[in-house]
PDB file of all heavy atoms in Angstrom:
ATOM      1  N   ILE A   1      73.775 169.945  -5.592  1.00  0.00           N
ATOM      2  CA  ILE A   1      74.504 170.245  -6.829  1.00  0.00           C
ATOM      3  C   ILE A   1      73.677 171.170  -7.720  1.00  0.00           C
ATOM      4  O   ILE A   1      74.206 172.134  -8.307  1.00  0.00           O
ATOM      5  CB  ILE A   1      74.868 168.932  -7.564  1.00  0.00           C
ATOM      6  CG1 ILE A   1      75.890 168.137  -6.750  1.00  0.00           C
ATOM      7  CG2 ILE A   1      75.414 169.231  -8.958  1.00  0.00           C
ATOM      8  CD1 ILE A   1      76.126 166.731  -7.265  1.00  0.00           C
ATOM      9  N   TRP A   2      72.397 170.875  -7.827  1.00  0.00           N
ATOM     10  CA  TRP A   2      71.480 171.716  -8.602  1.00  0.00           C
ATOM     11  C   TRP A   2      71.480 173.153  -8.058  1.00  0.00           C
ATOM     12  O   TRP A   2      71.593 174.121  -8.817  1.00  0.00           O
ATOM     13  CB  TRP A   2      70.082 171.101  -8.550  1.00  0.00           C
ATOM     14  CG  TRP A   2      69.003 171.863  -9.270  1.00  0.00           C
ATOM     15  CD1 TRP A   2      69.169 172.830 -10.225  1.00  0.00           C
ATOM     16  CD2 TRP A   2      67.593 171.700  -9.097  1.00  0.00           C
ATOM     17  NE1 TRP A   2      67.939 173.292 -10.653  1.00  0.00           N
ATOM     18  CE2 TRP A   2      66.960 172.611  -9.974  1.00  0.00           C
ATOM     19  CE3 TRP A   2      66.814 170.870  -8.287  1.00  0.00           C
ATOM     20  CZ2 TRP A   2      65.569 172.713 -10.064  1.00  0.00           C
ATOM     21  CZ3 TRP A   2      65.436 170.967  -8.378  1.00  0.00           C
ATOM     22  CH2 TRP A   2      64.822 171.882  -9.254  1.00  0.00           C
ATOM     23  N   TYR A   3      71.388 173.282  -6.732  1.00  0.00           N
ATOM     24  CA  TYR A   3      71.362 174.608  -6.093  1.00  0.00           C
ATOM     25  C   TYR A   3      72.677 175.352  -6.326  1.00  0.00           C
ATOM     26  O   TYR A   3      72.682 176.542  -6.667  1.00  0.00           O
ATOM     27  CB  TYR A   3      71.097 174.441  -4.597  1.00  0.00           C
ATOM     28  CG  TYR A   3      71.147 175.730  -3.823  1.00  0.00           C
ATOM     29  CD1 TYR A   3      70.071 176.623  -3.836  1.00  0.00           C
ATOM     30  CD2 TYR A   3      72.282 176.077  -3.076  1.00  0.00           C
ATOM     31  CE1 TYR A   3      70.121 177.811  -3.132  1.00  0.00           C
ATOM     32  CE2 TYR A   3      72.343 177.262  -2.361  1.00  0.00           C
ATOM     33  CZ  TYR A   3      71.255 178.126  -2.401  1.00  0.00           C
ATOM     34  OH  TYR A   3      71.318 179.312  -1.704  1.00  0.00           O
ATOM     35  N   VAL A   4      73.799 174.666  -6.161  1.00  0.00           N
ATOM     36  CA  VAL A   4      75.107 175.306  -6.315  1.00  0.00           C
ATOM     37  C   VAL A   4      75.313 175.774  -7.757  1.00  0.00           C
ATOM     38  O   VAL A   4      75.798 176.889  -8.007  1.00  0.00           O
ATOM     39  CB  VAL A   4      76.232 174.335  -5.887  1.00  0.00           C
ATOM     40  CG1 VAL A   4      77.602 174.898  -6.281  1.00  0.00           C
ATOM     41  CG2 VAL A   4      76.179 174.088  -4.387  1.00  0.00           C
ATOM     42  N   ILE A   5      74.942 174.930  -8.724  1.00  0.00           N
ATOM     43  CA  ILE A   5      75.113 175.299 -10.141  1.00  0.00           C
ATOM     44  C   ILE A   5      74.310 176.553 -10.474  1.00  0.00           C
ATOM     45  O   ILE A   5      74.801 177.468 -11.158  1.00  0.00           O
ATOM     46  CB  ILE A   5      74.697 174.126 -11.049  1.00  0.00           C
ATOM     47  CG1 ILE A   5      75.715 172.991 -10.949  1.00  0.00           C
ATOM     48  CG2 ILE A   5      74.568 174.581 -12.508  1.00  0.00           C
ATOM     49  CD1 ILE A   5      75.326 171.748 -11.717  1.00  0.00           C
ATOM     50  N   THR A   6      73.067 176.611  -9.980  1.00  0.00           N
ATOM     51  CA  THR A   6      72.243 177.797 -10.257  1.00  0.00           C
ATOM     52  C   THR A   6      72.759 179.020  -9.522  1.00  0.00           C
ATOM     53  O   THR A   6      72.666 180.142 -10.037  1.00  0.00           O
ATOM     54  CB  THR A   6      70.777 177.532  -9.866  1.00  0.00           C
ATOM     55  OG1 THR A   6      70.706 177.092  -8.487  1.00  0.00           O
ATOM     56  CG2 THR A   6      70.168 176.458 -10.748  1.00  0.00           C
ATOM     57  N   LYS A   7      73.310 178.848  -8.333  1.00  0.00           N
ATOM     58  CA  LYS A   7      73.864 179.972  -7.579  1.00  0.00           C
ATOM     59  C   LYS A   7      75.116 180.537  -8.257  1.00  0.00           C
ATOM     60  O   LYS A   7      75.347 181.750  -8.260  1.00  0.00           O
ATOM     61  CB  LYS A   7      74.185 179.536  -6.150  1.00  0.00           C
ATOM     62  CG  LYS A   7      73.034 179.687  -5.164  1.00  0.00           C
ATOM     63  CD  LYS A   7      72.674 181.149  -4.987  1.00  0.00           C
ATOM     64  CE  LYS A   7      71.534 181.332  -4.000  1.00  0.00           C
ATOM     65  NZ  LYS A   7      71.147 182.766  -3.882  1.00  0.00           N
ATOM     66  N   LEU A   8      75.933 179.648  -8.807  1.00  0.00           N
ATOM     67  CA  LEU A   8      77.158 180.089  -9.476  1.00  0.00           C
ATOM     68  C   LEU A   8      76.874 180.719 -10.840  1.00  0.00           C
ATOM     69  O   LEU A   8      77.768 181.329 -11.432  1.00  0.00           O
ATOM     70  CB  LEU A   8      78.118 178.898  -9.649  1.00  0.00           C
ATOM     71  CG  LEU A   8      78.704 178.315  -8.355  1.00  0.00           C
ATOM     72  CD1 LEU A   8      79.534 177.074  -8.671  1.00  0.00           C
ATOM     73  CD2 LEU A   8      79.549 179.359  -7.618  1.00  0.00           C
ATOM     74  N   GLY A   9      75.657 180.533 -11.337  1.00  0.00           N
ATOM     75  CA  GLY A   9      75.287 181.132 -12.615  1.00  0.00           C
ATOM     76  C   GLY A   9      75.943 180.481 -13.810  1.00  0.00           C
ATOM     77  O   GLY A   9      76.189 181.139 -14.831  1.00  0.00           O
ATOM     78  N   ILE A  10      76.264 179.194 -13.690  1.00  0.00           N
ATOM     79  CA  ILE A  10      76.875 178.484 -14.812  1.00  0.00           C
ATOM     80  C   ILE A  10      75.930 178.460 -16.012  1.00  0.00           C
ATOM     81  O   ILE A  10      76.368 178.580 -17.159  1.00  0.00           O
ATOM     82  CB  ILE A  10      77.265 177.051 -14.383  1.00  0.00           C
ATOM     83  CG1 ILE A  10      78.315 177.111 -13.255  1.00  0.00           C
ATOM     84  CG2 ILE A  10      77.794 176.251 -15.562  1.00  0.00           C
ATOM     85  CD1 ILE A  10      78.659 175.771 -12.667  1.00  0.00           C
ATOM     86  N   PHE A  11      74.644 178.303 -15.743  1.00  0.00           N
ATOM     87  CA  PHE A  11      73.616 178.380 -16.778  1.00  0.00           C
ATOM     88  C   PHE A  11      72.661 179.511 -16.438  1.00  0.00           C
ATOM     89  O   PHE A  11      72.470 179.833 -15.273  1.00  0.00           O
ATOM     90  CB  PHE A  11      72.837 177.061 -16.881  1.00  0.00           C
ATOM     91  CG  PHE A  11      73.680 175.879 -17.257  1.00  0.00           C
ATOM     92  CD1 PHE A  11      74.118 174.993 -16.277  1.00  0.00           C
ATOM     93  CD2 PHE A  11      74.026 175.639 -18.570  1.00  0.00           C
ATOM     94  CE1 PHE A  11      74.888 173.898 -16.610  1.00  0.00           C
ATOM     95  CE2 PHE A  11      74.799 174.553 -18.916  1.00  0.00           C
ATOM     96  CZ  PHE A  11      75.234 173.679 -17.936  1.00  0.00           C
ATOM     97  N   THR A  12      72.066 180.081 -17.447  1.00  0.00           N
ATOM     98  CA  THR A  12      71.091 181.141 -17.212  1.00  0.00           C
ATOM     99  C   THR A  12      69.815 180.539 -16.609  1.00  0.00           C
ATOM    100  O   THR A  12      69.508 179.362 -16.848  1.00  0.00           O
ATOM    101  CB  THR A  12      70.737 181.860 -18.533  1.00  0.00           C
ATOM    102  OG1 THR A  12      70.099 180.910 -19.415  1.00  0.00           O
ATOM    103  CG2 THR A  12      71.981 182.420 -19.185  1.00  0.00           C
ATOM    104  N   PRO A  13      69.052 181.333 -15.839  1.00  0.00           N
ATOM    105  CA  PRO A  13      67.803 180.822 -15.259  1.00  0.00           C
ATOM    106  C   PRO A  13      66.812 180.313 -16.302  1.00  0.00           C
ATOM    107  O   PRO A  13      65.980 179.455 -15.991  1.00  0.00           O
ATOM    108  CB  PRO A  13      67.248 182.047 -14.515  1.00  0.00           C
ATOM    109  CG  PRO A  13      68.436 182.889 -14.224  1.00  0.00           C
ATOM    110  CD  PRO A  13      69.364 182.691 -15.386  1.00  0.00           C
ATOM    111  N   THR A  14      66.915 180.820 -17.528  1.00  0.00           N
ATOM    112  CA  THR A  14      66.015 180.347 -18.587  1.00  0.00           C
ATOM    113  C   THR A  14      66.302 178.889 -18.942  1.00  0.00           C
ATOM    114  O   THR A  14      65.393 178.111 -19.223  1.00  0.00           O
ATOM    115  CB  THR A  14      66.162 181.220 -19.841  1.00  0.00           C
ATOM    116  OG1 THR A  14      65.911 182.581 -19.490  1.00  0.00           O
ATOM    117  CG2 THR A  14      65.186 180.786 -20.926  1.00  0.00           C
ATOM    118  N   LEU A  15      67.594 178.519 -18.900  1.00  0.00           N
ATOM    119  CA  LEU A  15      67.974 177.143 -19.221  1.00  0.00           C
ATOM    120  C   LEU A  15      67.875 176.233 -18.002  1.00  0.00           C
ATOM    121  O   LEU A  15      67.456 175.077 -18.120  1.00  0.00           O
ATOM    122  CB  LEU A  15      69.405 177.118 -19.776  1.00  0.00           C
ATOM    123  CG  LEU A  15      69.631 177.830 -21.108  1.00  0.00           C
ATOM    124  CD1 LEU A  15      71.104 177.759 -21.495  1.00  0.00           C
ATOM    125  CD2 LEU A  15      68.765 177.210 -22.204  1.00  0.00           C
ATOM    126  N   LEU A  16      68.292 176.736 -16.843  1.00  0.00           N
ATOM    127  CA  LEU A  16      68.280 175.919 -15.626  1.00  0.00           C
ATOM    128  C   LEU A  16      67.787 176.772 -14.455  1.00  0.00           C
ATOM    129  O   LEU A  16      68.565 177.469 -13.808  1.00  0.00           O
ATOM    130  CB  LEU A  16      69.677 175.371 -15.327  1.00  0.00           C
ATOM    131  CG  LEU A  16      69.786 174.458 -14.100  1.00  0.00           C
ATOM    132  CD1 LEU A  16      68.958 173.189 -14.310  1.00  0.00           C
ATOM    133  CD2 LEU A  16      71.242 174.097 -13.823  1.00  0.00           C
ATOM    134  N   PRO A  17      66.477 176.713 -14.175  1.00  0.00           N
ATOM    135  CA  PRO A  17      65.946 177.483 -13.048  1.00  0.00           C
ATOM    136  C   PRO A  17      66.382 176.872 -11.724  1.00  0.00           C
ATOM    137  O   PRO A  17      66.624 175.664 -11.626  1.00  0.00           O
ATOM    138  CB  PRO A  17      64.436 177.381 -13.240  1.00  0.00           C
ATOM    139  CG  PRO A  17      64.242 176.082 -13.961  1.00  0.00           C
ATOM    140  CD  PRO A  17      65.445 175.924 -14.854  1.00  0.00           C
ATOM    141  N   GLY A  18      66.479 177.693 -10.695  1.00  0.00           N
ATOM    142  CA  GLY A  18      66.863 177.204  -9.380  1.00  0.00           C
ATOM    143  C   GLY A  18      65.729 176.462  -8.694  1.00  0.00           C
ATOM    144  O   GLY A  18      64.566 176.581  -9.097  1.00  0.00           O
ATOM    145  N   PRO A  19      66.045 175.704  -7.643  1.00  0.00           N
ATOM    146  CA  PRO A  19      65.000 174.969  -6.912  1.00  0.00           C
ATOM    147  C   PRO A  19      63.896 175.869  -6.377  1.00  0.00           C
ATOM    148  O   PRO A  19      62.713 175.497  -6.416  1.00  0.00           O
ATOM    149  CB  PRO A  19      65.781 174.304  -5.774  1.00  0.00           C
ATOM    150  CG  PRO A  19      67.181 174.210  -6.270  1.00  0.00           C
ATOM    151  CD  PRO A  19      67.387 175.409  -7.133  1.00  0.00           C
ATOM    152  N   ALA A  20      64.268 177.073  -5.889  1.00  0.00           N
ATOM    153  CA  ALA A  20      63.263 177.983  -5.338  1.00  0.00           C
ATOM    154  C   ALA A  20      62.288 178.442  -6.423  1.00  0.00           C
ATOM    155  O   ALA A  20      61.070 178.514  -6.196  1.00  0.00           O
ATOM    156  CB  ALA A  20      63.953 179.182  -4.695  1.00  0.00           C
ATOM    157  N   ARG A  21      62.819 178.735  -7.601  1.00  0.00           N
ATOM    158  CA  ARG A  21      61.961 179.175  -8.708  1.00  0.00           C
ATOM    159  C   ARG A  21      61.024 178.057  -9.156  1.00  0.00           C
ATOM    160  O   ARG A  21      59.842 178.307  -9.456  1.00  0.00           O
ATOM    161  CB  ARG A  21      62.837 179.647  -9.876  1.00  0.00           C
ATOM    162  CG  ARG A  21      62.050 180.203 -11.045  1.00  0.00           C
ATOM    163  CD  ARG A  21      62.970 180.668 -12.161  1.00  0.00           C
ATOM    164  NE  ARG A  21      62.229 181.007 -13.354  1.00  0.00           N
ATOM    165  CZ  ARG A  21      62.775 181.337 -14.507  1.00  0.00           C
ATOM    166  NH1 ARG A  21      64.098 181.380 -14.624  1.00  0.00           N
ATOM    167  NH2 ARG A  21      62.027 181.628 -15.556  1.00  0.00           N
ATOM    168  N   VAL A  22      61.524 176.845  -9.204  1.00  0.00           N
ATOM    169  CA  VAL A  22      60.679 175.700  -9.585  1.00  0.00           C
ATOM    170  C   VAL A  22      59.590 175.476  -8.542  1.00  0.00           C
ATOM    171  O   VAL A  22      58.434 175.194  -8.883  1.00  0.00           O
ATOM    172  CB  VAL A  22      61.548 174.431  -9.754  1.00  0.00           C
ATOM    173  CG1 VAL A  22      60.668 173.201  -9.960  1.00  0.00           C
ATOM    174  CG2 VAL A  22      62.503 174.590 -10.920  1.00  0.00           C
ATOM    175  N   TRP A  23      59.937 175.625  -7.272  1.00  0.00           N
ATOM    176  CA  TRP A  23      58.956 175.458  -6.201  1.00  0.00           C
ATOM    177  C   TRP A  23      57.844 176.503  -6.311  1.00  0.00           C
ATOM    178  O   TRP A  23      56.666 176.192  -6.154  1.00  0.00           O
ATOM    179  CB  TRP A  23      59.646 175.538  -4.848  1.00  0.00           C
ATOM    180  CG  TRP A  23      58.713 175.470  -3.682  1.00  0.00           C
ATOM    181  CD1 TRP A  23      58.393 176.475  -2.817  1.00  0.00           C
ATOM    182  CD2 TRP A  23      57.951 174.331  -3.235  1.00  0.00           C
ATOM    183  NE1 TRP A  23      57.490 176.045  -1.873  1.00  0.00           N
ATOM    184  CE2 TRP A  23      57.199 174.723  -2.107  1.00  0.00           C
ATOM    185  CE3 TRP A  23      57.840 173.021  -3.690  1.00  0.00           C
ATOM    186  CZ2 TRP A  23      56.356 173.865  -1.431  1.00  0.00           C
ATOM    187  CZ3 TRP A  23      56.986 172.154  -3.018  1.00  0.00           C
ATOM    188  CH2 TRP A  23      56.265 172.570  -1.905  1.00  0.00           C
ATOM    189  N   ARG A  24      58.228 177.758  -6.601  1.00  0.00           N
ATOM    190  CA  ARG A  24      57.222 178.825  -6.753  1.00  0.00           C
ATOM    191  C   ARG A  24      56.323 178.550  -7.953  1.00  0.00           C
ATOM    192  O   ARG A  24      55.108 178.783  -7.907  1.00  0.00           O
ATOM    193  CB  ARG A  24      57.911 180.184  -6.902  1.00  0.00           C
ATOM    194  CG  ARG A  24      58.545 180.707  -5.620  1.00  0.00           C
ATOM    195  CD  ARG A  24      58.908 182.186  -5.745  1.00  0.00           C
ATOM    196  NE  ARG A  24      59.898 182.405  -6.789  1.00  0.00           N
ATOM    197  CZ  ARG A  24      61.207 182.395  -6.580  1.00  0.00           C
ATOM    198  NH1 ARG A  24      61.684 182.167  -5.356  1.00  0.00           N
ATOM    199  NH2 ARG A  24      62.062 182.612  -7.570  1.00  0.00           N
ATOM    200  N   ALA A  25      56.925 178.018  -9.031  1.00  0.00           N
ATOM    201  CA  ALA A  25      56.119 177.677 -10.209  1.00  0.00           C
ATOM    202  C   ALA A  25      55.121 176.564  -9.878  1.00  0.00           C
ATOM    203  O   ALA A  25      53.968 176.607 -10.326  1.00  0.00           O
ATOM    204  CB  ALA A  25      57.032 177.242 -11.358  1.00  0.00           C
ATOM    205  N   PHE A  26      55.566 175.596  -9.092  1.00  0.00           N
ATOM    206  CA  PHE A  26      54.666 174.504  -8.685  1.00  0.00           C
ATOM    207  C   PHE A  26      53.493 175.041  -7.868  1.00  0.00           C
ATOM    208  O   PHE A  26      52.331 174.675  -8.111  1.00  0.00           O
ATOM    209  CB  PHE A  26      55.436 173.458  -7.884  1.00  0.00           C
ATOM    210  CG  PHE A  26      54.562 172.437  -7.216  1.00  0.00           C
ATOM    211  CD1 PHE A  26      53.888 171.485  -7.962  1.00  0.00           C
ATOM    212  CD2 PHE A  26      54.386 172.451  -5.839  1.00  0.00           C
ATOM    213  CE1 PHE A  26      53.065 170.547  -7.341  1.00  0.00           C
ATOM    214  CE2 PHE A  26      53.577 171.523  -5.219  1.00  0.00           C
ATOM    215  CZ  PHE A  26      52.913 170.574  -5.974  1.00  0.00           C
ATOM    216  N   LEU A  27      53.790 175.929  -6.907  1.00  0.00           N
ATOM    217  CA  LEU A  27      52.715 176.503  -6.080  1.00  0.00           C
ATOM    218  C   LEU A  27      51.754 177.326  -6.932  1.00  0.00           C
ATOM    219  O   LEU A  27      50.537 177.293  -6.707  1.00  0.00           O
ATOM    220  CB  LEU A  27      53.321 177.363  -4.974  1.00  0.00           C
ATOM    221  CG  LEU A  27      54.149 176.621  -3.909  1.00  0.00           C
ATOM    222  CD1 LEU A  27      54.731 177.611  -2.901  1.00  0.00           C
ATOM    223  CD2 LEU A  27      53.305 175.568  -3.193  1.00  0.00           C
ATOM    224  N   ARG A  28      52.301 178.045  -7.912  1.00  0.00           N
ATOM    225  CA  ARG A  28      51.449 178.852  -8.792  1.00  0.00           C
ATOM    226  C   ARG A  28      50.538 177.961  -9.636  1.00  0.00           C
ATOM    227  O   ARG A  28      49.336 178.229  -9.771  1.00  0.00           O
ATOM    228  CB  ARG A  28      52.330 179.718  -9.693  1.00  0.00           C
ATOM    229  CG  ARG A  28      51.542 180.683 -10.575  1.00  0.00           C
ATOM    230  CD  ARG A  28      52.451 181.598 -11.378  1.00  0.00           C
ATOM    231  NE  ARG A  28      53.217 180.881 -12.395  1.00  0.00           N
ATOM    232  CZ  ARG A  28      54.510 180.622 -12.316  1.00  0.00           C
ATOM    233  NH1 ARG A  28      55.216 181.004 -11.254  1.00  0.00           N
ATOM    234  NH2 ARG A  28      55.133 179.961 -13.283  1.00  0.00           N
ATOM    235  N   ILE A  29      51.108 176.883 -10.189  1.00  0.00           N
ATOM    236  CA  ILE A  29      50.299 175.958 -11.001  1.00  0.00           C
ATOM    237  C   ILE A  29      49.276 175.246 -10.133  1.00  0.00           C
ATOM    238  O   ILE A  29      48.130 175.013 -10.548  1.00  0.00           O
ATOM    239  CB  ILE A  29      51.212 174.945 -11.724  1.00  0.00           C
ATOM    240  CG1 ILE A  29      52.077 175.658 -12.761  1.00  0.00           C
ATOM    241  CG2 ILE A  29      50.396 173.847 -12.395  1.00  0.00           C
ATOM    242  CD1 ILE A  29      53.148 174.777 -13.376  1.00  0.00           C
ATOM    243  N   LEU A  30      49.663 174.900  -8.919  1.00  0.00           N
ATOM    244  CA  LEU A  30      48.745 174.226  -7.995  1.00  0.00           C
ATOM    245  C   LEU A  30      47.559 175.120  -7.661  1.00  0.00           C
ATOM    246  O   LEU A  30      46.423 174.641  -7.533  1.00  0.00           O
ATOM    247  CB  LEU A  30      49.494 173.839  -6.720  1.00  0.00           C
ATOM    248  CG  LEU A  30      48.805 172.866  -5.767  1.00  0.00           C
ATOM    249  CD1 LEU A  30      48.578 171.521  -6.440  1.00  0.00           C
ATOM    250  CD2 LEU A  30      49.635 172.671  -4.503  1.00  0.00           C
ATOM    251  N   ALA A  31      47.817 176.425  -7.523  1.00  0.00           N
ATOM    252  CA  ALA A  31      46.752 177.358  -7.153  1.00  0.00           C
ATOM    253  C   ALA A  31      45.939 177.826  -8.356  1.00  0.00           C
ATOM    254  O   ALA A  31      44.702 177.925  -8.281  1.00  0.00           O
ATOM    255  CB  ALA A  31      47.360 178.566  -6.431  1.00  0.00           C
ATOM    256  N   GLU A  32      46.620 178.108  -9.470  1.00  0.00           N
ATOM    257  CA  GLU A  32      45.947 178.733 -10.608  1.00  0.00           C
ATOM    258  C   GLU A  32      45.770 177.797 -11.803  1.00  0.00           C
ATOM    259  O   GLU A  32      45.027 178.116 -12.738  1.00  0.00           O
ATOM    260  CB  GLU A  32      46.746 179.963 -11.065  1.00  0.00           C
ATOM    261  CG  GLU A  32      46.970 180.988  -9.956  1.00  0.00           C
ATOM    262  CD  GLU A  32      47.938 182.083 -10.377  1.00  0.00           C
ATOM    263  OE1 GLU A  32      48.345 182.076 -11.564  1.00  0.00           O
ATOM    264  OE2 GLU A  32      48.292 182.922  -9.533  1.00  0.00           O
ATOM    265  N   GLY A  33      46.477 176.651 -11.801  1.00  0.00           N
ATOM    266  CA  GLY A  33      46.444 175.769 -12.961  1.00  0.00           C
ATOM    267  C   GLY A  33      47.408 176.237 -14.030  1.00  0.00           C
ATOM    268  O   GLY A  33      48.177 177.186 -13.828  1.00  0.00           O
TER     269      GLY A  33
END
């Protein structure tokens, strides 16, 4: 549901980032803090 909502663009990425974007942010924080 989270993926579909972000794909349909119901909310802007600033308000509701997609799972892929959150995953990349996690990897970035894990590597760089």
